[in-house]
């Protein structure tokens, strides 16, 4: 037995492997936690926005499900909207434990009570299409009169522009005419009833 000796390279190999094994088994979970705590505020804000977008998508599909339950399931599935949706559809969504406290939903920032509230300038009402495109003189004429010479697509930019404007005007006038006929028919039906 005296002839058996451990070589230096074997000893170094065993020490390195055991050191890596100890690090892997005992310290691997803490590096993920440290990485999560070192997130920049921008990353945290992006994660919060992504989480809220996922909650919003699921609540649009399933309005009867509680926000807290959705957040709990998203946390358990790693943020997978598809997995959470499948759990809801199959009826396997779990109620979160009492100790689970989700972050509050983002709300619009409210100004302090003592800050004066600035009034937004009132936006003038949009005029109707007839006024906006100066079609008052064409209202009395027929929409069919405006379609004088229809040609194919022109290579001249100005001709194309004028053709498109003419077509827009025709569509607006035709829609107005159709709406007037519909209103007239409703009035006649109301009077005869």
Protein backbone atom coordinates (compact mmCIF):
# COMPACT_ATOMS: atom_id res chain seq x y z
CA UNK A 1 0.00 0.00 0.00
CA UNK A 2 2.93 2.28 0.44
CA UNK A 3 3.35 2.28 -3.33
CA UNK A 4 -0.01 3.97 -3.87
CA UNK A 5 0.29 7.74 -3.88
CA UNK A 6 -2.07 10.48 -4.95
CA UNK A 7 -0.60 12.60 -7.67
CA UNK A 8 -0.72 16.39 -7.39
CA UNK A 9 -2.81 16.76 -10.56
CA UNK A 10 -5.42 14.32 -9.21
CA UNK A 11 -5.60 16.22 -5.95
CA UNK A 12 -6.09 19.57 -7.73
CA UNK A 13 -8.77 18.04 -9.97
CA UNK A 14 -10.74 16.68 -6.98
CA UNK A 15 -10.53 20.03 -5.14
CA UNK A 16 -11.71 22.03 -8.19
CA UNK A 17 -14.62 19.65 -8.90
CA UNK A 18 -15.75 19.63 -5.28
CA UNK A 19 -15.50 23.44 -5.11
CA UNK A 20 -17.67 23.79 -8.22
CA UNK A 21 -20.18 21.29 -6.87
CA UNK A 22 -20.43 23.13 -3.54
CA UNK A 23 -20.89 26.45 -5.33
CA UNK A 24 -23.54 25.02 -7.64
CA UNK A 25 -25.58 23.35 -4.90
CA UNK A 26 -25.34 26.01 -2.21
CA UNK A 27 -24.84 29.36 -3.91
CA UNK A 28 -26.62 29.18 -7.28
CA UNK A 29 -30.00 30.43 -5.97
CA UNK A 30 -28.55 33.54 -4.38
CA UNK A 31 -27.03 34.81 -7.65
CA UNK A 32 -30.47 34.91 -9.26
CA UNK A 33 -31.79 36.82 -6.25
CA UNK A 34 -28.88 39.26 -6.38
CA UNK A 35 -29.48 39.82 -10.09
CA UNK A 36 -33.16 40.55 -9.43
CA UNK A 37 -32.25 43.07 -6.72
CA UNK A 38 -29.72 44.80 -8.97
CA UNK A 39 -32.27 45.58 -11.69
CA UNK A 40 -32.22 49.16 -12.81
CA UNK A 41 -35.34 51.26 -12.26
CA UNK A 42 -35.94 51.22 -16.01
CA UNK A 43 -35.96 47.40 -16.05
CA UNK A 44 -38.30 47.33 -13.07
CA UNK A 45 -40.63 49.82 -14.75
CA UNK A 46 -40.60 47.78 -17.98
CA UNK A 47 -41.37 44.62 -16.03
CA UNK A 48 -44.24 46.36 -14.24
CA UNK A 49 -45.64 47.62 -17.56
CA UNK A 50 -45.36 44.15 -19.09
CA UNK A 51 -47.06 42.59 -16.07
CA UNK A 52 -49.91 45.12 -16.17
CA UNK A 53 -50.31 44.63 -19.93
CA UNK A 54 -50.60 40.88 -19.38
CA UNK A 55 -53.16 41.38 -16.61
CA UNK A 56 -55.12 43.78 -18.83
CA UNK A 57 -55.14 41.30 -21.73
CA UNK A 58 -56.39 38.50 -19.50
CA UNK A 59 -59.01 40.70 -17.84
CA UNK A 60 -60.32 41.69 -21.27
CA UNK A 61 -60.77 38.03 -22.12
CA UNK A 62 -62.05 36.97 -18.69
CA UNK A 63 -63.61 39.93 -16.86
CA UNK A 64 -65.09 37.66 -14.19
CA UNK A 65 -61.64 36.63 -12.88
CA UNK A 66 -60.18 38.63 -10.01
CA UNK A 67 -57.06 40.72 -10.75
CA UNK A 68 -55.32 39.28 -7.71
CA UNK A 69 -55.89 35.70 -8.94
CA UNK A 70 -54.56 36.63 -12.37
CA UNK A 71 -51.41 38.16 -10.87
CA UNK A 72 -50.88 35.08 -8.70
CA UNK A 73 -51.19 32.73 -11.66
CA UNK A 74 -48.97 34.92 -13.84
CA UNK A 75 -46.33 34.84 -11.14
CA UNK A 76 -46.58 31.04 -10.94
CA UNK A 77 -46.39 30.60 -14.74
CA UNK A 78 -43.53 33.04 -15.21
CA UNK A 79 -45.68 35.70 -16.85
CA UNK A 80 -47.18 33.40 -19.50
CA UNK A 81 -50.51 34.82 -20.66
CA UNK A 82 -51.23 31.65 -22.62
CA UNK A 83 -50.70 29.33 -19.66
CA UNK A 84 -52.84 31.51 -17.41
CA UNK A 85 -55.60 31.67 -20.04
CA UNK A 86 -55.55 27.90 -20.39
CA UNK A 87 -55.84 27.48 -16.62
CA UNK A 88 -58.80 29.85 -16.52
CA UNK A 89 -60.52 28.05 -19.40
CA UNK A 90 -60.01 24.66 -17.79
CA UNK A 91 -61.21 25.96 -14.41
CA UNK A 92 -57.91 25.22 -12.70
CA UNK A 93 -57.09 28.77 -11.62
CA UNK A 94 -56.32 28.86 -7.93
CA UNK A 95 -57.17 31.52 -5.44
CA UNK A 96 -54.01 33.16 -4.16
CA UNK A 97 -52.97 32.67 -0.54
CA UNK A 98 -53.81 35.38 1.96
CA UNK A 99 -50.14 36.26 2.25
CA UNK A 100 -49.92 37.17 -1.46
CA UNK A 101 -50.07 40.94 -1.77
CA UNK A 102 -49.90 42.04 -5.42
CA UNK A 103 -48.69 45.49 -6.36
CA UNK A 104 -51.52 47.99 -6.69
CA UNK A 105 -52.75 48.73 -10.20
CA UNK A 106 -51.13 51.76 -11.75
CA UNK A 107 -53.29 54.81 -11.51
CA UNK A 108 -53.07 58.11 -13.21
CA UNK A 109 -50.99 60.53 -11.21
CA UNK A 110 -53.25 62.92 -9.35
CA UNK A 111 -52.11 66.47 -8.76
CA UNK A 112 -51.77 67.61 -5.17
CA UNK A 113 -54.88 69.17 -3.64
CA UNK A 114 -53.29 72.60 -3.32
CA UNK A 115 -52.05 72.68 -6.94
CA UNK A 116 -54.23 74.68 -9.32
CA UNK A 117 -55.81 72.57 -12.01
CA UNK A 118 -55.14 73.98 -15.44
CA UNK A 119 -58.04 73.84 -17.83
CA UNK A 120 -57.38 72.14 -21.11
CA UNK A 121 -58.17 74.43 -24.00
CA UNK A 122 -61.52 73.47 -25.40
CA UNK A 123 -61.20 71.88 -28.80
CA UNK A 124 -63.57 73.32 -31.37
CA UNK A 125 -66.09 70.89 -32.73
CA UNK A 126 -65.08 69.31 -36.02
CA UNK A 127 -67.16 70.54 -38.92
CA UNK A 128 -69.03 68.03 -40.99
CA UNK A 129 -67.41 66.66 -44.15
CA UNK A 130 -69.46 68.89 -46.43
CA UNK A 131 -68.10 72.00 -44.68
CA UNK A 132 -64.58 70.65 -44.31
CA UNK A 133 -64.18 69.90 -48.03
CA UNK A 134 -66.26 72.87 -49.30
CA UNK A 135 -68.93 70.75 -50.96
CA UNK A 136 -71.90 73.01 -50.21
CA UNK A 137 -72.30 73.95 -53.87
CA UNK A 138 -72.28 70.29 -54.90
CA UNK A 139 -74.87 69.19 -52.33
CA UNK A 140 -77.73 70.39 -54.50
CA UNK A 141 -76.27 68.73 -57.61
CA UNK A 142 -76.31 65.02 -58.15
CA UNK A 143 -73.34 62.90 -57.14
CA UNK A 144 -73.55 61.30 -60.57
CA UNK A 145 -72.89 64.66 -62.26
CA UNK A 146 -69.51 64.91 -60.56
CA UNK A 147 -68.25 61.75 -62.25
CA UNK A 148 -67.65 63.37 -65.61
CA UNK A 149 -64.84 61.59 -67.38
CA UNK A 150 -63.50 58.48 -65.67
CA UNK A 151 -60.11 57.42 -66.92
CA UNK A 152 -57.55 54.89 -65.79
CA UNK A 153 -54.74 55.64 -63.35
CA UNK A 154 -52.70 58.60 -64.52
CA UNK A 155 -48.94 58.86 -64.34
CA UNK A 156 -49.22 62.58 -63.58
CA UNK A 157 -49.24 63.27 -59.85
CA UNK A 158 -51.57 66.27 -60.07
CA UNK A 159 -54.12 64.35 -62.13
CA UNK A 160 -54.06 61.48 -59.65
CA UNK A 161 -54.51 63.91 -56.76
CA UNK A 162 -57.46 65.63 -58.40
CA UNK A 163 -59.01 62.25 -59.31
CA UNK A 164 -58.69 61.08 -55.74
CA UNK A 165 -60.19 64.30 -54.40
CA UNK A 166 -63.04 64.03 -56.88
CA UNK A 167 -63.64 60.41 -55.82
CA UNK A 168 -63.59 61.45 -52.14
CA UNK A 169 -66.12 64.20 -52.86
CA UNK A 170 -68.32 61.74 -54.73
CA UNK A 171 -68.27 59.30 -51.84
CA UNK A 172 -69.12 62.02 -49.31
CA UNK A 173 -72.00 63.28 -51.43
CA UNK A 174 -73.28 59.75 -52.05
CA UNK A 175 -73.18 58.99 -48.33
CA UNK A 176 -75.04 62.22 -47.58
CA UNK A 177 -77.66 61.41 -50.18
CA UNK A 178 -78.09 57.90 -48.79
CA UNK A 179 -78.41 59.23 -45.23
CA UNK A 180 -81.00 61.82 -46.31
CA UNK A 181 -83.01 59.08 -48.04
CA UNK A 182 -82.81 56.91 -44.92
CA UNK A 183 -83.98 59.79 -42.69
CA UNK A 184 -86.78 60.60 -45.12
CA UNK A 185 -87.89 56.93 -45.16
CA UNK A 186 -87.85 56.79 -41.34
CA UNK A 187 -89.95 59.97 -41.14
CA UNK A 188 -92.45 58.59 -43.63
CA UNK A 189 -92.64 55.31 -41.73
CA UNK A 190 -93.15 57.26 -38.47
CA UNK A 191 -95.92 59.39 -39.96
CA UNK A 192 -97.81 56.45 -41.46
CA UNK A 193 -97.69 54.48 -38.21
